[in-house]
């Protein structure tokens, strides 16, 4: 094999088995996919050690993808329960799963996940460092951070969040212009703490070339983390966030020089009117690399309903050009999501992604909606259930309120507009 990464293969004009599968799945020309990969506008995360993977790609001209977060922690270490979530997420057609495990048998869980998941798998090595190494954060060396990155890559992880854009200068900027919610990224806060205690630069920035060498060896896509993402709409689009974005753009070019694929992570909380501008700015500063957004959550007032605030922002962001949505559940800001929370978050994210694909004018995106509208016009309830994004819920709602007339529902009954027009 005379290439290391999907990006390198595309640049050399080599068609990989993964490219063939993705082009067929997406309904795009192979040449289009190759050109996008070569230019960095598309990423195809496919670690050669992830043997159960069914390749998918993220980027320009492709369907908007969604990611599901899960994993074990100190307070919730039930591996069997998290694996049930994995199975449910795959059943519900999640495109990617990020394992955010940070305590306990993290490698055992990661390997079990990789063994069964056809969806691409991501991780955040800095989350895992303390648990995997069984050391206090400040005692972890640069070599040990890199050891954790290589362990994840060797295990088969397809993409990794690396918070390389936050630097010691960021801490000074935060002191000069304090935020309402400071740093809300877990990885960003951990690295800020490590930098301050060790009076050292961010190891992932200082030793970025070593990170790239690991990613290139296993063809791990680098998801450049948004450590300075706003944690409230008050802090959106501030100097701290934009300074990091400029750094991520510089790091993107360095990664591409080594044929490493890149995804850029984006803002968390943001008012509606700032979302489109942020997407366009990211695409400009980061050279059209695929954009991966958490939310954006368009309001801070909805604990218990943040899957909705996120879906609103995600649809707007993706319609404006974002490529990858990280789901948010009703449990956001409150607790580790339950299986039911996860399911609600997946549905919300899938609706947002689909709505955006319609707005983007992707070929075939609105065909599903046409089929549903046709079934409604014909009062074909069985077809409506089969076409629903959540067939189980649709059937349950219908069953819980049986109408007098089978071709209507209990909302309108004999006054059903479609029923009356159909019977003219």
Protein backbone atom coordinates (compact mmCIF):
# COMPACT_ATOMS: atom_id res chain seq x y z
CA UNK A 1 0.00 0.00 0.00
CA UNK A 2 1.74 3.15 -1.19
CA UNK A 3 -0.29 5.62 0.89
CA UNK A 4 -0.75 6.21 4.61
CA UNK A 5 -3.99 8.19 4.72
CA UNK A 6 -7.16 8.61 2.70
CA UNK A 7 -6.07 12.19 1.99
CA UNK A 8 -2.73 11.08 0.60
CA UNK A 9 -4.38 8.41 -1.53
CA UNK A 10 -6.80 10.97 -2.97
CA UNK A 11 -3.99 13.38 -3.77
CA UNK A 12 -2.12 10.60 -5.59
CA UNK A 13 -5.23 9.62 -7.55
CA UNK A 14 -5.56 6.27 -5.77
CA UNK A 15 -9.10 4.97 -5.30
CA UNK A 16 -9.42 3.20 -1.95
CA UNK A 17 -12.15 0.68 -1.07
CA UNK A 18 -13.46 3.19 1.48
CA UNK A 19 -13.79 5.90 -1.18
CA UNK A 20 -15.80 3.56 -3.41
CA UNK A 21 -18.20 2.74 -0.56
CA UNK A 22 -18.65 6.37 0.44
CA UNK A 23 -19.24 7.59 -3.14
CA UNK A 24 -21.91 4.93 -3.61
CA UNK A 25 -23.54 5.64 -0.26
CA UNK A 26 -23.59 9.41 -0.80
CA UNK A 27 -24.60 9.24 -4.46
CA UNK A 28 -21.68 11.44 -5.55
CA UNK A 29 -19.10 11.03 -8.28
CA UNK A 30 -15.90 9.33 -7.16
CA UNK A 31 -13.91 12.18 -8.73
CA UNK A 32 -15.81 14.72 -6.61
CA UNK A 33 -15.05 12.76 -3.44
CA UNK A 34 -11.36 12.40 -4.32
CA UNK A 35 -10.97 16.08 -5.09
CA UNK A 36 -12.65 17.00 -1.81
CA UNK A 37 -10.42 14.67 0.16
CA UNK A 38 -7.28 15.90 -1.56
CA UNK A 39 -8.22 19.53 -0.87
CA UNK A 40 -9.18 18.83 2.76
CA UNK A 41 -12.80 19.89 2.24
CA UNK A 42 -13.91 16.33 3.00
CA UNK A 43 -12.65 13.95 5.68
CA UNK A 44 -13.03 10.16 5.57
CA UNK A 45 -12.10 8.93 9.07
CA UNK A 46 -11.09 5.29 8.68
CA UNK A 47 -8.45 3.91 11.01
CA UNK A 48 -7.09 0.76 9.38
CA UNK A 49 -7.37 -1.03 12.75
CA UNK A 50 -11.14 -0.42 13.00
CA UNK A 51 -12.11 -3.66 11.31
CA UNK A 52 -15.90 -3.37 11.81
CA UNK A 53 -16.06 0.10 10.21
CA UNK A 54 -18.44 0.87 7.36
CA UNK A 55 -16.75 3.96 5.95
CA UNK A 56 -18.49 7.34 5.97
CA UNK A 57 -17.29 10.82 5.10
CA UNK A 58 -17.88 14.34 6.38
CA UNK A 59 -17.72 17.53 4.38
CA UNK A 60 -18.76 19.67 1.46
CA UNK A 61 -21.58 18.35 -0.71
CA UNK A 62 -22.24 15.33 1.52
CA UNK A 63 -25.11 14.53 3.88
CA UNK A 64 -24.87 16.25 7.26
CA UNK A 65 -23.65 13.68 9.78
CA UNK A 66 -24.49 13.38 13.49
CA UNK A 67 -22.39 12.22 16.42
CA UNK A 68 -23.45 10.65 19.72
CA UNK A 69 -21.42 11.05 22.93
CA UNK A 70 -21.28 8.34 25.59
CA UNK A 71 -18.77 6.55 27.83
CA UNK A 72 -18.00 5.52 31.39
CA UNK A 73 -17.07 7.88 34.21
CA UNK A 74 -16.32 7.72 37.94
CA UNK A 75 -19.96 8.34 38.88
CA UNK A 76 -21.45 6.19 36.10
CA UNK A 77 -19.14 3.28 35.43
CA UNK A 78 -21.69 0.67 34.27
CA UNK A 79 -20.06 -0.63 31.11
CA UNK A 80 -23.01 -2.86 30.22
CA UNK A 81 -25.39 0.10 30.34
CA UNK A 82 -23.13 2.16 28.08
CA UNK A 83 -22.93 -0.72 25.62
CA UNK A 84 -26.74 -0.80 25.53
CA UNK A 85 -26.57 2.87 24.56
CA UNK A 86 -24.07 1.99 21.83
CA UNK A 87 -26.41 -0.63 20.41
CA UNK A 88 -29.36 1.80 20.52
CA UNK A 89 -27.34 4.60 18.90
CA UNK A 90 -26.35 2.30 16.05
CA UNK A 91 -29.95 1.13 15.67
CA UNK A 92 -31.01 4.79 15.44
CA UNK A 93 -28.51 5.42 12.63
CA UNK A 94 -25.93 7.57 14.40
CA UNK A 95 -23.10 8.30 11.96
CA UNK A 96 -20.44 8.48 14.67
CA UNK A 97 -19.95 7.71 18.34
CA UNK A 98 -17.54 9.58 20.57
CA UNK A 99 -16.29 7.62 23.55
CA UNK A 100 -15.73 10.20 26.28
CA UNK A 101 -14.74 7.65 28.92
CA UNK A 102 -12.58 9.14 31.66
CA UNK A 103 -12.42 6.60 34.48
CA UNK A 104 -12.19 2.87 35.05
CA UNK A 105 -11.64 0.26 32.35
CA UNK A 106 -11.58 2.80 29.54
CA UNK A 107 -9.50 0.75 27.12
CA UNK A 108 -11.65 -2.32 27.66
CA UNK A 109 -14.77 -0.28 26.88
CA UNK A 110 -13.13 1.35 23.86
CA UNK A 111 -12.07 -1.99 22.39
CA UNK A 112 -15.56 -3.46 22.92
CA UNK A 113 -17.07 -0.43 21.19
CA UNK A 114 -14.69 -0.66 18.23
CA UNK A 115 -15.35 -4.37 17.85
CA UNK A 116 -19.07 -3.92 17.18
CA UNK A 117 -19.44 -0.44 15.70
CA UNK A 118 -19.78 0.07 11.95
CA UNK A 119 -20.01 3.81 12.73
CA UNK A 120 -16.82 5.82 13.00
CA UNK A 121 -15.47 6.19 16.53
CA UNK A 122 -13.94 9.27 18.10
CA UNK A 123 -12.24 9.88 21.43
CA UNK A 124 -10.69 12.70 23.48
CA UNK A 125 -7.35 11.35 24.76
CA UNK A 126 -6.87 14.08 27.35
CA UNK A 127 -10.10 12.91 29.06
CA UNK A 128 -8.65 9.44 29.37
CA UNK A 129 -5.16 10.42 30.49
CA UNK A 130 -5.61 10.48 34.27
CA UNK A 131 -7.64 7.29 34.42
CA UNK A 132 -5.52 5.36 31.92
CA UNK A 133 -2.22 6.44 33.49
CA UNK A 134 -3.56 6.43 37.08
CA UNK A 135 -1.78 9.71 37.80
CA UNK A 136 -2.72 13.22 38.90
CA UNK A 137 -3.12 15.65 36.00
CA UNK A 138 -0.15 17.86 36.88
CA UNK A 139 2.14 14.81 37.11
CA UNK A 140 1.48 13.63 33.56
CA UNK A 141 4.43 14.18 31.25
CA UNK A 142 4.37 15.19 27.59
CA UNK A 143 5.57 11.70 26.65
CA UNK A 144 2.67 10.17 28.59
CA UNK A 145 0.10 12.42 26.88
CA UNK A 146 1.48 11.25 23.54
CA UNK A 147 1.42 7.64 24.78
CA UNK A 148 -2.32 7.92 25.39
CA UNK A 149 -2.85 9.38 21.91
CA UNK A 150 -0.92 6.51 20.34
CA UNK A 151 -2.81 3.93 22.41
CA UNK A 152 -6.15 5.25 21.15
CA UNK A 153 -4.85 5.30 17.57
CA UNK A 154 -3.49 1.77 17.78
CA UNK A 155 -6.78 0.52 19.26
CA UNK A 156 -8.55 1.69 16.09
CA UNK A 157 -10.09 5.10 16.82
CA UNK A 158 -11.07 6.91 13.60
CA UNK A 159 -10.92 10.51 14.81
CA UNK A 160 -9.57 12.20 17.93
CA UNK A 161 -10.32 15.53 19.52
CA UNK A 162 -7.04 17.25 20.27
CA UNK A 163 -7.23 20.66 21.96
CA UNK A 164 -4.10 22.07 20.35
CA UNK A 165 -5.40 25.59 19.79
CA UNK A 166 -5.52 26.77 23.41
CA UNK A 167 -2.21 28.22 24.61
CA UNK A 168 -0.69 29.95 27.61
CA UNK A 169 -1.51 33.25 25.93
CA UNK A 170 -5.17 32.25 26.15
CA UNK A 171 -5.00 32.29 29.93
CA UNK A 172 -3.70 35.85 29.83
CA UNK A 173 -6.47 36.90 27.45
CA UNK A 174 -9.05 35.40 29.81
CA UNK A 175 -7.59 37.42 32.69
CA UNK A 176 -7.73 40.64 30.66
CA UNK A 177 -11.26 40.07 29.37
CA UNK A 178 -13.04 37.65 31.73
CA UNK A 179 -15.91 35.63 30.35
CA UNK A 180 -19.19 35.05 32.09
CA UNK A 181 -18.64 31.26 31.83
CA UNK A 182 -14.85 31.14 31.34
CA UNK A 183 -13.65 27.86 29.74
CA UNK A 184 -16.44 25.25 29.57
CA UNK A 185 -14.59 22.70 27.46
CA UNK A 186 -13.55 19.85 29.72
CA UNK A 187 -10.42 19.23 27.65
CA UNK A 188 -9.63 22.93 27.52
CA UNK A 189 -9.99 23.31 31.29
CA UNK A 190 -7.78 20.27 31.94
CA UNK A 191 -5.05 21.65 29.69
CA UNK A 192 -5.31 25.14 31.23
CA UNK A 193 -4.83 23.55 34.64
CA UNK A 194 -1.86 21.48 33.41
CA UNK A 195 -0.23 24.53 31.78
CA UNK A 196 -0.66 26.69 34.86
CA UNK A 197 0.61 24.09 37.33
CA UNK A 198 3.60 23.18 35.18
CA UNK A 199 4.30 26.70 33.85
CA UNK A 200 4.53 25.12 30.41
CA UNK A 201 2.95 25.46 26.97
CA UNK A 202 0.08 23.25 25.85
CA UNK A 203 1.84 19.95 25.05
CA UNK A 204 -0.47 19.25 22.11
CA UNK A 205 0.47 22.59 20.56
CA UNK A 206 4.18 22.43 21.36
CA UNK A 207 4.49 18.82 20.16
CA UNK A 208 1.91 19.02 17.40
CA UNK A 209 4.24 17.37 14.88
CA UNK A 210 4.49 14.29 17.09
CA UNK A 211 0.67 14.13 17.28
CA UNK A 212 0.55 14.36 13.48
CA UNK A 213 3.03 11.51 13.10
CA UNK A 214 0.77 9.26 15.18
CA UNK A 215 -2.34 10.29 13.25
CA UNK A 216 -0.63 9.70 9.92
CA UNK A 217 0.62 6.25 10.93
CA UNK A 218 -2.91 4.95 11.67
CA UNK A 219 -4.89 7.36 9.46
CA UNK A 220 -6.67 8.99 12.38
CA UNK A 221 -8.56 12.15 11.43
CA UNK A 222 -7.63 15.03 13.69
CA UNK A 223 -10.64 16.79 15.18
CA UNK A 224 -9.16 20.09 16.34
CA UNK A 225 -10.99 20.83 19.55
CA UNK A 226 -12.72 24.10 20.41
CA UNK A 227 -11.36 24.56 23.92
CA UNK A 228 -12.52 28.18 23.86
CA UNK A 229 -16.04 27.54 22.66
CA UNK A 230 -18.55 29.84 24.37
CA UNK A 231 -20.46 28.31 27.26
CA UNK A 232 -23.13 31.00 27.14
CA UNK A 233 -24.60 33.21 24.44
CA UNK A 234 -23.01 36.12 26.33
CA UNK A 235 -19.51 34.85 25.45
CA UNK A 236 -20.20 33.96 21.80
CA UNK A 237 -17.90 35.29 19.08
CA UNK A 238 -15.48 36.87 21.55
CA UNK A 239 -11.74 37.38 21.09
CA UNK A 240 -10.87 34.19 22.96
CA UNK A 241 -12.97 32.02 20.63
CA UNK A 242 -11.75 33.75 17.47
CA UNK A 243 -8.08 33.73 18.50
CA UNK A 244 -8.26 29.96 18.91
CA UNK A 245 -9.97 29.62 15.53
CA UNK A 246 -7.09 31.45 13.85
CA UNK A 247 -4.64 29.06 15.52
CA UNK A 248 -6.69 26.08 14.37
CA UNK A 249 -6.47 27.37 10.81
CA UNK A 250 -2.67 27.45 11.06
CA UNK A 251 -2.61 23.93 12.54
CA UNK A 252 -4.86 22.69 9.74
CA UNK A 253 -2.26 23.62 7.14
CA UNK A 254 0.46 21.92 9.17
CA UNK A 255 -1.65 18.75 9.38
CA UNK A 256 -2.36 18.74 5.65
CA UNK A 257 1.36 19.03 4.93
CA UNK A 258 1.67 15.59 6.57
CA UNK A 259 -1.46 14.29 4.77
CA UNK A 260 -3.41 14.12 8.04
CA UNK A 261 -7.17 14.66 7.70
CA UNK A 262 -8.69 17.49 9.72
CA UNK A 263 -12.09 18.37 11.16
CA UNK A 264 -12.61 21.67 13.00
CA UNK A 265 -14.80 21.79 16.09
CA UNK A 266 -17.02 24.81 16.61
CA UNK A 267 -19.08 26.91 18.99
CA UNK A 268 -21.31 25.63 21.75
CA UNK A 269 -23.67 28.47 22.78
CA UNK A 270 -24.52 31.21 20.29
CA UNK A 271 -27.41 33.56 19.43
CA UNK A 272 -29.30 32.73 16.24
CA UNK A 273 -28.11 35.85 14.44
CA UNK A 274 -24.41 35.00 14.88
CA UNK A 275 -24.45 31.39 13.68
CA UNK A 276 -24.20 31.86 9.93
CA UNK A 277 -21.37 34.40 10.25
CA UNK A 278 -19.45 32.00 12.52
CA UNK A 279 -19.78 29.15 10.01
CA UNK A 280 -18.57 31.35 7.15
CA UNK A 281 -15.68 32.63 9.29
CA UNK A 282 -14.65 29.10 10.23
CA UNK A 283 -14.66 28.00 6.60
CA UNK A 284 -12.55 31.04 5.67
CA UNK A 285 -10.00 30.85 8.50
CA UNK A 286 -9.71 27.04 8.42
CA UNK A 287 -9.46 26.71 4.65
CA UNK A 288 -12.86 25.01 4.13
CA UNK A 289 -12.04 22.05 6.40
CA UNK A 290 -15.16 20.16 7.56
CA UNK A 291 -16.90 21.93 10.45
CA UNK A 292 -18.12 19.94 13.47
CA UNK A 293 -20.46 21.84 15.79
CA UNK A 294 -21.77 21.21 19.28
CA UNK A 295 -25.23 22.72 19.05
CA UNK A 296 -24.96 25.65 18.73
CA UNK A 297 -27.36 26.09 21.66
CA UNK A 298 -29.31 29.24 20.86
CA UNK A 299 -30.49 29.96 24.41
CA UNK A 300 -29.20 29.27 27.92
CA UNK A 301 -32.55 28.96 29.71
CA UNK A 302 -33.69 25.43 28.81
CA UNK A 303 -32.20 22.75 31.09
CA UNK A 304 -34.12 19.59 30.29
CA UNK A 305 -34.86 20.82 26.76
CA UNK A 306 -31.39 21.54 25.39
CA UNK A 307 -31.86 18.96 22.65
CA UNK A 308 -34.30 21.54 21.25
CA UNK A 309 -32.07 24.60 21.66
CA UNK A 310 -29.31 22.55 20.02
CA UNK A 311 -31.44 21.30 17.13
CA UNK A 312 -32.48 24.86 16.28
CA UNK A 313 -28.87 26.02 16.17
CA UNK A 314 -27.64 22.85 14.48
CA UNK A 315 -30.12 23.21 11.63
CA UNK A 316 -29.09 26.82 11.04
CA UNK A 317 -25.37 26.01 11.25
CA UNK A 318 -25.61 23.04 8.88
CA UNK A 319 -27.76 24.99 6.42
CA UNK A 320 -25.01 27.63 6.44
CA UNK A 321 -22.32 25.04 5.70
CA UNK A 322 -21.50 23.08 8.88
CA UNK A 323 -20.93 19.40 8.06
CA UNK A 324 -21.18 17.43 11.32
CA UNK A 325 -23.52 17.90 14.29
CA UNK A 326 -22.74 16.67 17.79
CA UNK A 327 -26.01 15.75 19.40
CA UNK A 328 -27.18 17.30 22.65
CA UNK A 329 -29.61 15.51 24.96
CA UNK A 330 -32.28 16.77 27.39
CA UNK A 331 -29.79 15.93 30.15
CA UNK A 332 -27.20 18.47 28.95
CA UNK A 333 -25.90 20.56 31.90
CA UNK A 334 -27.72 18.25 34.34
CA UNK A 335 -26.39 14.67 34.36
CA UNK A 336 -25.00 11.81 32.29
CA UNK A 337 -27.71 11.02 29.71
CA UNK A 338 -29.86 7.92 30.14
CA UNK A 339 -30.69 5.68 27.21
CA UNK A 340 -33.98 7.55 26.79
CA UNK A 341 -32.20 10.92 26.89
CA UNK A 342 -29.78 9.69 24.25
CA UNK A 343 -32.63 8.58 21.98
CA UNK A 344 -34.31 11.99 22.20
CA UNK A 345 -31.01 13.71 21.44
CA UNK A 346 -30.42 11.52 18.38
CA UNK A 347 -33.87 12.23 16.96
CA UNK A 348 -33.44 15.99 17.48
CA UNK A 349 -30.02 15.97 15.81
CA UNK A 350 -31.22 13.85 12.89
CA UNK A 351 -34.13 16.22 12.29
CA UNK A 352 -31.75 19.18 12.30
CA UNK A 353 -29.35 17.44 9.91
CA UNK A 354 -32.14 16.44 7.53
CA UNK A 355 -33.69 19.93 7.56
CA UNK A 356 -30.27 21.37 6.70
CA UNK A 357 -29.74 18.91 3.85
CA UNK A 358 -33.03 20.06 2.34
CA UNK A 359 -31.92 23.69 2.69
CA UNK A 360 -28.55 22.84 1.09
CA UNK A 361 -30.38 21.34 -1.87
CA UNK A 362 -28.60 18.00 -1.64
CA UNK A 363 -29.89 15.63 -4.34
CA UNK A 364 -32.65 13.41 -2.96
CA UNK A 365 -32.78 15.13 0.43
CA UNK A 366 -36.47 16.08 0.14
CA UNK A 367 -37.58 12.76 -1.36
CA UNK A 368 -38.32 11.38 2.11
CA UNK A 369 -40.57 14.38 2.81
CA UNK A 370 -42.34 13.93 -0.53
CA UNK A 371 -43.12 10.33 0.34
CA UNK A 372 -44.47 11.35 3.76
CA UNK A 373 -46.64 14.09 2.26
CA UNK A 374 -47.99 11.64 -0.31
CA UNK A 375 -48.91 9.18 2.47
CA UNK A 376 -50.65 11.98 4.39
CA UNK A 377 -52.58 13.09 1.33
CA UNK A 378 -53.81 9.52 0.91
CA UNK A 379 -54.49 9.10 4.65
CA UNK A 380 -52.21 6.05 4.49
CA UNK A 381 -51.41 5.66 8.17
CA UNK A 382 -49.26 2.56 7.84
CA UNK A 383 -46.98 4.29 5.31
CA UNK A 384 -46.80 7.34 7.56
CA UNK A 385 -45.59 5.19 10.44
CA UNK A 386 -42.97 3.46 8.31
CA UNK A 387 -41.68 6.79 6.97
CA UNK A 388 -41.57 8.52 10.37
CA UNK A 389 -38.15 9.33 11.76
CA UNK A 390 -39.37 7.65 14.99
CA UNK A 391 -41.94 5.00 13.89
CA UNK A 392 -42.39 3.65 17.41
CA UNK A 393 -43.49 7.00 18.83
CA UNK A 394 -45.77 7.74 15.88
CA UNK A 395 -47.54 4.38 16.27
CA UNK A 396 -47.86 4.84 20.03
CA UNK A 397 -49.41 8.28 19.75
CA UNK A 398 -51.96 7.01 17.23
CA UNK A 399 -52.80 3.98 19.38
CA UNK A 400 -53.22 6.06 22.56
CA UNK A 401 -56.06 8.10 21.04
CA UNK A 402 -58.20 6.00 18.68
CA UNK A 403 -60.50 8.00 16.36
CA UNK A 404 -64.13 7.23 15.59
CA UNK A 405 -63.27 7.33 11.87
CA UNK A 406 -60.33 5.20 10.84
CA UNK A 407 -59.25 7.59 8.10
CA UNK A 408 -58.95 10.55 10.48
CA UNK A 409 -57.37 11.32 13.84
CA UNK A 410 -58.87 12.56 17.11
CA UNK A 411 -57.72 16.11 16.43
CA UNK A 412 -60.20 16.81 13.60
CA UNK A 413 -62.35 13.72 13.14
CA UNK A 414 -65.03 14.39 10.50
CA UNK A 415 -63.57 17.86 9.94
CA UNK A 416 -60.24 16.47 8.67
CA UNK A 417 -59.31 18.66 5.69
CA UNK A 418 -57.51 15.91 3.79
CA UNK A 419 -60.37 13.45 4.38
CA UNK A 420 -62.99 15.89 3.13
CA UNK A 421 -60.97 16.99 0.09
CA UNK A 422 -60.24 13.37 -0.79
CA UNK A 423 -63.96 12.55 -0.68
CA UNK A 424 -65.08 15.40 -2.97
